[in-house]
Amino acid sequence: MKLLKKGSATKSDVYISTLNNKIVIIKSFKNKYWFIKYTYGWLVLNREYKILKRLKNIQGIPEIIDFNDFQLLETYIPGKSFATLYIEKKSLPASVFNIIYKIVDEIHKRRIVHLDLRLSSNYLLGDDGLPYILDFNTCLYIPHLPIIGNLILNLLKKIDYSGIIKMKYEFCPDAITEKEKILFQRISRFRLLWLFTPRGTDVVEKKECCH
């Protein structure tokens, strides 16, 4: 088992390992302070586990394998994160973002919103040339509630779409449509909604794309 990323006291450590001759990613709170491990750590991993179970069989996201002993196991997807591609000054074709929209639409059909799609490290371009969406610990499941349930879902869906548009501005700006520009500008006025990605934490920041 190899450590890929050492998390802070309240962030999981991320490892790569093998299980039954397959490469897996492990998010672990196993070596954290016992109070964090038995409270926050368990809640965070259990929540992501339940989200991924709801998203089972959607092409373009990791498959959940197991959750036990304060560790969450997911399938490993070889490739490069969009954060790495940005540093390498790579561009992407519009077809990649068409696929991302389809993945997110499938997620939304299960009444789940990601809420952290403005973060470039939550996207991966696989070695197979296809895009993937990662890291579901900020997701919300919106239950079927009379009237208000769909209102909340539709609002939060727009936040997800604005995250995709932000990535498209960075990697494929010439393909941005007028409809995407309008949505991006509208949602960007409400930046306080992005509780999970404080301004300045992402390697990809919006430039002069909306002026």
C-alpha atoms as a PDB file:
ATOM      1  CA  MET A   1       0.000   0.000   0.000  1.00  0.00           C
ATOM      2  CA  LYS A   2       1.488   3.340  -1.104  1.00  0.00           C
ATOM      3  CA  LEU A   3       0.578   6.737   0.305  1.00  0.00           C
ATOM      4  CA  LEU A   4      -0.533   9.147  -2.428  1.00  0.00           C
ATOM      5  CA  LYS A   5      -1.667  12.052  -0.276  1.00  0.00           C
ATOM      6  CA  LYS A   6      -1.324  12.730   3.433  1.00  0.00           C
ATOM      7  CA  GLY A   7      -4.466  14.386   4.740  1.00  0.00           C
ATOM      8  CA  SER A   8      -4.707  16.865   7.590  1.00  0.00           C
ATOM      9  CA  ALA A   9      -6.225  15.916  10.941  1.00  0.00           C
ATOM     10  CA  THR A  10      -9.725  16.143   9.443  1.00  0.00           C
ATOM     11  CA  LYS A  11      -8.896  14.944   5.914  1.00  0.00           C
ATOM     12  CA  SER A  12      -8.516  11.346   4.856  1.00  0.00           C
ATOM     13  CA  ASP A  13      -5.170   9.908   3.847  1.00  0.00           C
ATOM     14  CA  VAL A  14      -5.261   8.547   0.288  1.00  0.00           C
ATOM     15  CA  TYR A  15      -3.475   5.341  -0.656  1.00  0.00           C
ATOM     16  CA  ILE A  16      -3.117   3.185  -3.736  1.00  0.00           C
ATOM     17  CA  SER A  17      -3.054  -0.565  -3.237  1.00  0.00           C
ATOM     18  CA  THR A  18      -4.097  -3.885  -4.779  1.00  0.00           C
ATOM     19  CA  LEU A  19      -7.076  -6.062  -3.923  1.00  0.00           C
ATOM     20  CA  ASN A  20      -7.756  -9.357  -5.677  1.00  0.00           C
ATOM     21  CA  ASN A  21      -5.176  -8.432  -8.329  1.00  0.00           C
ATOM     22  CA  LYS A  22      -6.901  -5.086  -9.017  1.00  0.00           C
ATOM     23  CA  ILE A  23      -5.557  -1.623  -8.252  1.00  0.00           C
ATOM     24  CA  VAL A  24      -7.721   0.300  -5.777  1.00  0.00           C
ATOM     25  CA  ILE A  25      -7.794   3.739  -4.148  1.00  0.00           C
ATOM     26  CA  ILE A  26      -8.206   3.820  -0.367  1.00  0.00           C
ATOM     27  CA  LYS A  27      -9.436   6.847   1.558  1.00  0.00           C
ATOM     28  CA  SER A  28      -8.533   6.243   5.168  1.00  0.00           C
ATOM     29  CA  PHE A  29      -9.053   7.747   8.611  1.00  0.00           C
ATOM     30  CA  LYS A  30      -7.556   4.658  10.214  1.00  0.00           C
ATOM     31  CA  ASN A  31      -4.434   6.415  11.522  1.00  0.00           C
ATOM     32  CA  LYS A  32      -6.115   9.615  12.673  1.00  0.00           C
ATOM     33  CA  TYR A  33      -6.662  10.739  16.259  1.00  0.00           C
ATOM     34  CA  TRP A  34      -9.239   8.349  17.777  1.00  0.00           C
ATOM     35  CA  PHE A  35     -11.881  11.018  18.437  1.00  0.00           C
ATOM     36  CA  ILE A  36     -11.748  12.255  14.818  1.00  0.00           C
ATOM     37  CA  LYS A  37     -11.703   8.696  13.502  1.00  0.00           C
ATOM     38  CA  TYR A  38     -14.765   7.535  15.426  1.00  0.00           C
ATOM     39  CA  THR A  39     -16.828  10.667  14.800  1.00  0.00           C
ATOM     40  CA  TYR A  40     -16.086  12.943  11.854  1.00  0.00           C
ATOM     41  CA  GLY A  41     -13.999  10.416   9.926  1.00  0.00           C
ATOM     42  CA  TRP A  42     -16.618   7.679  10.068  1.00  0.00           C
ATOM     43  CA  LEU A  43     -19.423  10.104   9.162  1.00  0.00           C
ATOM     44  CA  VAL A  44     -17.553  11.521   6.137  1.00  0.00           C
ATOM     45  CA  LEU A  45     -16.601   8.135   4.705  1.00  0.00           C
ATOM     46  CA  ASN A  46     -19.984   6.573   5.418  1.00  0.00           C
ATOM     47  CA  ARG A  47     -21.705   9.490   3.702  1.00  0.00           C
ATOM     48  CA  GLU A  48     -19.547   9.196   0.583  1.00  0.00           C
ATOM     49  CA  TYR A  49     -20.072   5.425   0.588  1.00  0.00           C
ATOM     50  CA  LYS A  50     -23.848   5.861   0.553  1.00  0.00           C
ATOM     51  CA  ILE A  51     -23.632   8.471  -2.216  1.00  0.00           C
ATOM     52  CA  LEU A  52     -21.512   6.210  -4.404  1.00  0.00           C
ATOM     53  CA  LYS A  53     -23.909   3.331  -3.830  1.00  0.00           C
ATOM     54  CA  ARG A  54     -26.721   5.520  -5.164  1.00  0.00           C
ATOM     55  CA  LEU A  55     -24.568   6.331  -8.191  1.00  0.00           C
ATOM     56  CA  LYS A  56     -23.713   2.725  -8.974  1.00  0.00           C
ATOM     57  CA  ASN A  57     -23.290   1.814 -12.660  1.00  0.00           C
ATOM     58  CA  ILE A  58     -22.905   5.381 -13.916  1.00  0.00           C
ATOM     59  CA  GLN A  59     -20.117   5.481 -16.493  1.00  0.00           C
ATOM     60  CA  GLY A  60     -17.592   8.175 -15.635  1.00  0.00           C
ATOM     61  CA  ILE A  61     -17.305   7.885 -11.851  1.00  0.00           C
ATOM     62  CA  PRO A  62     -15.379   5.460  -9.614  1.00  0.00           C
ATOM     63  CA  GLU A  63     -17.106   2.275  -8.520  1.00  0.00           C
ATOM     64  CA  ILE A  64     -17.399   1.731  -4.789  1.00  0.00           C
ATOM     65  CA  ILE A  65     -15.773  -1.489  -3.562  1.00  0.00           C
ATOM     66  CA  ASP A  66     -16.074  -1.533   0.222  1.00  0.00           C
ATOM     67  CA  PHE A  67     -16.249   0.506   3.397  1.00  0.00           C
ATOM     68  CA  ASN A  68     -14.813  -0.961   6.578  1.00  0.00           C
ATOM     69  CA  ASP A  69     -12.301  -0.273   9.328  1.00  0.00           C
ATOM     70  CA  PHE A  70     -12.485   3.502   8.677  1.00  0.00           C
ATOM     71  CA  GLN A  71     -11.408   2.974   5.062  1.00  0.00           C
ATOM     72  CA  LEU A  72     -13.305   3.568   1.810  1.00  0.00           C
ATOM     73  CA  LEU A  73     -12.184   1.534  -1.202  1.00  0.00           C
ATOM     74  CA  GLU A  74     -12.863   2.683  -4.765  1.00  0.00           C
ATOM     75  CA  THR A  75     -11.780   1.546  -8.206  1.00  0.00           C
ATOM     76  CA  TYR A  76      -8.574   3.117  -9.498  1.00  0.00           C
ATOM     77  CA  ILE A  77      -8.847   5.059 -12.773  1.00  0.00           C
ATOM     78  CA  PRO A  78      -5.499   5.718 -14.473  1.00  0.00           C
ATOM     79  CA  GLY A  79      -5.115   9.177 -15.958  1.00  0.00           C
ATOM     80  CA  LYS A  80      -4.338  12.819 -15.172  1.00  0.00           C
ATOM     81  CA  SER A  81      -6.378  15.290 -13.169  1.00  0.00           C
ATOM     82  CA  PHE A  82      -7.507  18.491 -14.838  1.00  0.00           C
ATOM     83  CA  ALA A  83      -5.336  20.328 -12.291  1.00  0.00           C
ATOM     84  CA  THR A  84      -2.279  18.592 -13.739  1.00  0.00           C
ATOM     85  CA  LEU A  85      -3.433  19.255 -17.306  1.00  0.00           C
ATOM     86  CA  TYR A  86      -3.827  22.951 -16.464  1.00  0.00           C
ATOM     87  CA  ILE A  87      -0.275  23.154 -15.117  1.00  0.00           C
ATOM     88  CA  GLU A  88       0.901  21.423 -18.313  1.00  0.00           C
ATOM     89  CA  LYS A  89      -1.044  24.054 -20.340  1.00  0.00           C
ATOM     90  CA  LYS A  90      -3.088  21.408 -22.125  1.00  0.00           C
ATOM     91  CA  SER A  91      -6.320  22.084 -23.994  1.00  0.00           C
ATOM     92  CA  LEU A  92      -9.263  19.719 -24.308  1.00  0.00           C
ATOM     93  CA  PRO A  93     -11.783  19.176 -27.102  1.00  0.00           C
ATOM     94  CA  ALA A  94     -15.417  20.181 -26.691  1.00  0.00           C
ATOM     95  CA  SER A  95     -16.372  16.493 -26.898  1.00  0.00           C
ATOM     96  CA  VAL A  96     -14.825  15.943 -23.442  1.00  0.00           C
ATOM     97  CA  PHE A  97     -17.205  18.475 -21.921  1.00  0.00           C
ATOM     98  CA  ASN A  98     -20.182  17.002 -23.767  1.00  0.00           C
ATOM     99  CA  ILE A  99     -19.405  13.724 -22.005  1.00  0.00           C
ATOM    100  CA  ILE A 100     -18.997  15.491 -18.639  1.00  0.00           C
ATOM    101  CA  TYR A 101     -22.438  17.059 -19.049  1.00  0.00           C
ATOM    102  CA  LYS A 102     -23.883  13.585 -19.682  1.00  0.00           C
ATOM    103  CA  ILE A 103     -22.190  12.170 -16.570  1.00  0.00           C
ATOM    104  CA  VAL A 104     -23.514  15.005 -14.411  1.00  0.00           C
ATOM    105  CA  ASP A 105     -27.006  14.651 -15.907  1.00  0.00           C
ATOM    106  CA  GLU A 106     -26.982  10.977 -14.876  1.00  0.00           C
ATOM    107  CA  ILE A 107     -25.909  11.980 -11.360  1.00  0.00           C
ATOM    108  CA  HIS A 108     -28.741  14.530 -11.199  1.00  0.00           C
ATOM    109  CA  LYS A 109     -31.282  11.949 -12.348  1.00  0.00           C
ATOM    110  CA  ARG A 110     -30.580  10.167  -9.056  1.00  0.00           C
ATOM    111  CA  ARG A 111     -31.299  13.418  -7.204  1.00  0.00           C
ATOM    112  CA  ILE A 112     -27.680  13.941  -6.224  1.00  0.00           C
ATOM    113  CA  VAL A 113     -25.654  17.120  -6.747  1.00  0.00           C
ATOM    114  CA  HIS A 114     -21.868  17.228  -6.589  1.00  0.00           C
ATOM    115  CA  LEU A 115     -21.379  20.872  -5.479  1.00  0.00           C
ATOM    116  CA  ASP A 116     -17.602  20.893  -5.985  1.00  0.00           C
ATOM    117  CA  LEU A 117     -17.229  20.855  -9.759  1.00  0.00           C
ATOM    118  CA  ARG A 118     -15.392  24.185  -9.808  1.00  0.00           C
ATOM    119  CA  LEU A 119     -12.350  22.330  -8.453  1.00  0.00           C
ATOM    120  CA  SER A 120     -10.105  21.056 -11.246  1.00  0.00           C
ATOM    121  CA  SER A 121      -8.699  18.187  -9.174  1.00  0.00           C
ATOM    122  CA  ASN A 122     -12.188  16.653  -9.102  1.00  0.00           C
ATOM    123  CA  TYR A 123     -11.946  15.896 -12.817  1.00  0.00           C
ATOM    124  CA  LEU A 124      -9.766  13.254 -14.431  1.00  0.00           C
ATOM    125  CA  LEU A 125      -8.877  12.591 -18.050  1.00  0.00           C
ATOM    126  CA  GLY A 126      -8.435   8.846 -18.157  1.00  0.00           C
ATOM    127  CA  ASP A 127      -5.761   7.050 -20.124  1.00  0.00           C
ATOM    128  CA  ASP A 128      -8.679   5.846 -22.273  1.00  0.00           C
ATOM    129  CA  GLY A 129      -9.297   9.449 -23.361  1.00  0.00           C
ATOM    130  CA  LEU A 130     -12.576   9.732 -21.436  1.00  0.00           C
ATOM    131  CA  PRO A 131     -13.341  12.199 -18.618  1.00  0.00           C
ATOM    132  CA  TYR A 132     -14.219  11.122 -15.081  1.00  0.00           C
ATOM    133  CA  ILE A 133     -15.608  12.918 -12.047  1.00  0.00           C
ATOM    134  CA  LEU A 134     -14.063  12.258  -8.631  1.00  0.00           C
ATOM    135  CA  ASP A 135     -14.449  13.027  -4.938  1.00  0.00           C
ATOM    136  CA  PHE A 136     -18.059  12.814  -3.793  1.00  0.00           C
ATOM    137  CA  ASN A 137     -17.697  13.824  -0.151  1.00  0.00           C
ATOM    138  CA  THR A 138     -19.433  17.182  -0.684  1.00  0.00           C
ATOM    139  CA  CYS A 139     -22.405  15.706  -2.530  1.00  0.00           C
ATOM    140  CA  LEU A 140     -25.993  16.104  -1.398  1.00  0.00           C
ATOM    141  CA  TYR A 141     -28.924  13.793  -1.957  1.00  0.00           C
ATOM    142  CA  ILE A 142     -32.128  15.796  -2.393  1.00  0.00           C
ATOM    143  CA  PRO A 143     -35.131  13.705  -1.331  1.00  0.00           C
ATOM    144  CA  HIS A 144     -38.538  13.864  -2.974  1.00  0.00           C
ATOM    145  CA  LEU A 145     -40.238  16.644  -1.002  1.00  0.00           C
ATOM    146  CA  PRO A 146     -43.483  18.328  -2.081  1.00  0.00           C
ATOM    147  CA  ILE A 147     -42.676  21.412  -4.197  1.00  0.00           C
ATOM    148  CA  ILE A 148     -39.502  22.443  -2.361  1.00  0.00           C
ATOM    149  CA  GLY A 149     -37.547  19.291  -3.191  1.00  0.00           C
ATOM    150  CA  ASN A 150     -37.453  19.942  -6.932  1.00  0.00           C
ATOM    151  CA  LEU A 151     -36.862  23.660  -6.412  1.00  0.00           C
ATOM    152  CA  ILE A 152     -33.750  22.950  -4.355  1.00  0.00           C
ATOM    153  CA  LEU A 153     -32.557  20.271  -6.788  1.00  0.00           C
ATOM    154  CA  ASN A 154     -32.923  22.538  -9.821  1.00  0.00           C
ATOM    155  CA  LEU A 155     -31.038  25.373  -8.123  1.00  0.00           C
ATOM    156  CA  LEU A 156     -28.149  23.155  -7.059  1.00  0.00           C
ATOM    157  CA  LYS A 157     -27.978  21.549 -10.503  1.00  0.00           C
ATOM    158  CA  LYS A 158     -27.139  24.982 -11.914  1.00  0.00           C
ATOM    159  CA  ILE A 159     -24.227  25.235  -9.488  1.00  0.00           C
ATOM    160  CA  ASP A 160     -22.867  21.963 -10.862  1.00  0.00           C
ATOM    161  CA  TYR A 161     -23.288  23.168 -14.435  1.00  0.00           C
ATOM    162  CA  SER A 162     -21.463  26.407 -13.666  1.00  0.00           C
ATOM    163  CA  GLY A 163     -18.535  24.324 -12.421  1.00  0.00           C
ATOM    164  CA  ILE A 164     -18.385  22.489 -15.744  1.00  0.00           C
ATOM    165  CA  ILE A 165     -18.513  25.800 -17.612  1.00  0.00           C
ATOM    166  CA  LYS A 166     -15.621  27.108 -15.507  1.00  0.00           C
ATOM    167  CA  MET A 167     -13.516  24.132 -16.624  1.00  0.00           C
ATOM    168  CA  LYS A 168     -14.634  24.635 -20.213  1.00  0.00           C
ATOM    169  CA  TYR A 169     -13.479  28.278 -20.085  1.00  0.00           C
ATOM    170  CA  GLU A 170     -10.029  27.072 -19.074  1.00  0.00           C
ATOM    171  CA  PHE A 171      -9.588  24.154 -21.467  1.00  0.00           C
ATOM    172  CA  CYS A 172     -11.909  24.868 -24.393  1.00  0.00           C
ATOM    173  CA  PRO A 173     -12.939  28.556 -24.314  1.00  0.00           C
ATOM    174  CA  ASP A 174     -13.799  28.809 -28.016  1.00  0.00           C
ATOM    175  CA  ALA A 175     -16.604  26.272 -27.553  1.00  0.00           C
ATOM    176  CA  ILE A 176     -18.462  28.250 -24.861  1.00  0.00           C
ATOM    177  CA  THR A 177     -22.038  28.955 -25.911  1.00  0.00           C
ATOM    178  CA  GLU A 178     -24.044  32.086 -25.188  1.00  0.00           C
ATOM    179  CA  LYS A 179     -26.338  30.062 -22.919  1.00  0.00           C
ATOM    180  CA  GLU A 180     -23.322  28.869 -20.905  1.00  0.00           C
ATOM    181  CA  LYS A 181     -21.987  32.427 -20.557  1.00  0.00           C
ATOM    182  CA  ILE A 182     -25.312  33.659 -19.190  1.00  0.00           C
ATOM    183  CA  LEU A 183     -25.609  30.795 -16.695  1.00  0.00           C
ATOM    184  CA  PHE A 184     -22.019  31.209 -15.529  1.00  0.00           C
ATOM    185  CA  GLN A 185     -22.406  34.939 -14.953  1.00  0.00           C
ATOM    186  CA  ARG A 186     -25.685  34.446 -13.115  1.00  0.00           C
ATOM    187  CA  ILE A 187     -24.392  31.762 -10.758  1.00  0.00           C
ATOM    188  CA  SER A 188     -21.057  33.533 -10.191  1.00  0.00           C
ATOM    189  CA  ARG A 189     -22.951  36.398  -8.544  1.00  0.00           C
ATOM    190  CA  PHE A 190     -23.731  33.987  -5.731  1.00  0.00           C
ATOM    191  CA  ARG A 191     -20.216  32.823  -4.927  1.00  0.00           C
ATOM    192  CA  LEU A 192     -21.143  32.467  -1.250  1.00  0.00           C
ATOM    193  CA  LEU A 193     -22.952  29.268  -2.223  1.00  0.00           C
ATOM    194  CA  TRP A 194     -19.580  27.613  -2.795  1.00  0.00           C
ATOM    195  CA  LEU A 195     -18.997  26.644   0.799  1.00  0.00           C
ATOM    196  CA  PHE A 196     -16.765  23.718  -0.129  1.00  0.00           C
ATOM    197  CA  THR A 197     -14.285  25.522  -2.398  1.00  0.00           C
ATOM    198  CA  PRO A 198     -13.178  28.832  -0.856  1.00  0.00           C
ATOM    199  CA  ARG A 199     -11.914  31.403  -3.306  1.00  0.00           C
ATOM    200  CA  GLY A 200      -8.277  30.880  -4.205  1.00  0.00           C
ATOM    201  CA  THR A 201      -7.999  27.188  -3.310  1.00  0.00           C
ATOM    202  CA  ASP A 202      -8.262  25.880  -6.864  1.00  0.00           C
ATOM    203  CA  VAL A 203      -5.307  25.844  -9.223  1.00  0.00           C
ATOM    204  CA  VAL A 204      -7.678  26.835 -12.026  1.00  0.00           C
ATOM    205  CA  GLU A 205      -9.098  30.308 -11.449  1.00  0.00           C
ATOM    206  CA  LYS A 206     -11.463  32.128 -13.788  1.00  0.00           C
ATOM    207  CA  LYS A 207      -9.654  34.763 -15.827  1.00  0.00           C
ATOM    208  CA  GLU A 208     -11.115  37.432 -18.131  1.00  0.00           C
ATOM    209  CA  CYS A 209     -13.667  35.003 -19.537  1.00  0.00           C
ATOM    210  CA  CYS A 210     -16.873  36.800 -18.704  1.00  0.00           C
ATOM    211  CA  HIS A 211     -16.076  40.378 -19.665  1.00  0.00           C
END
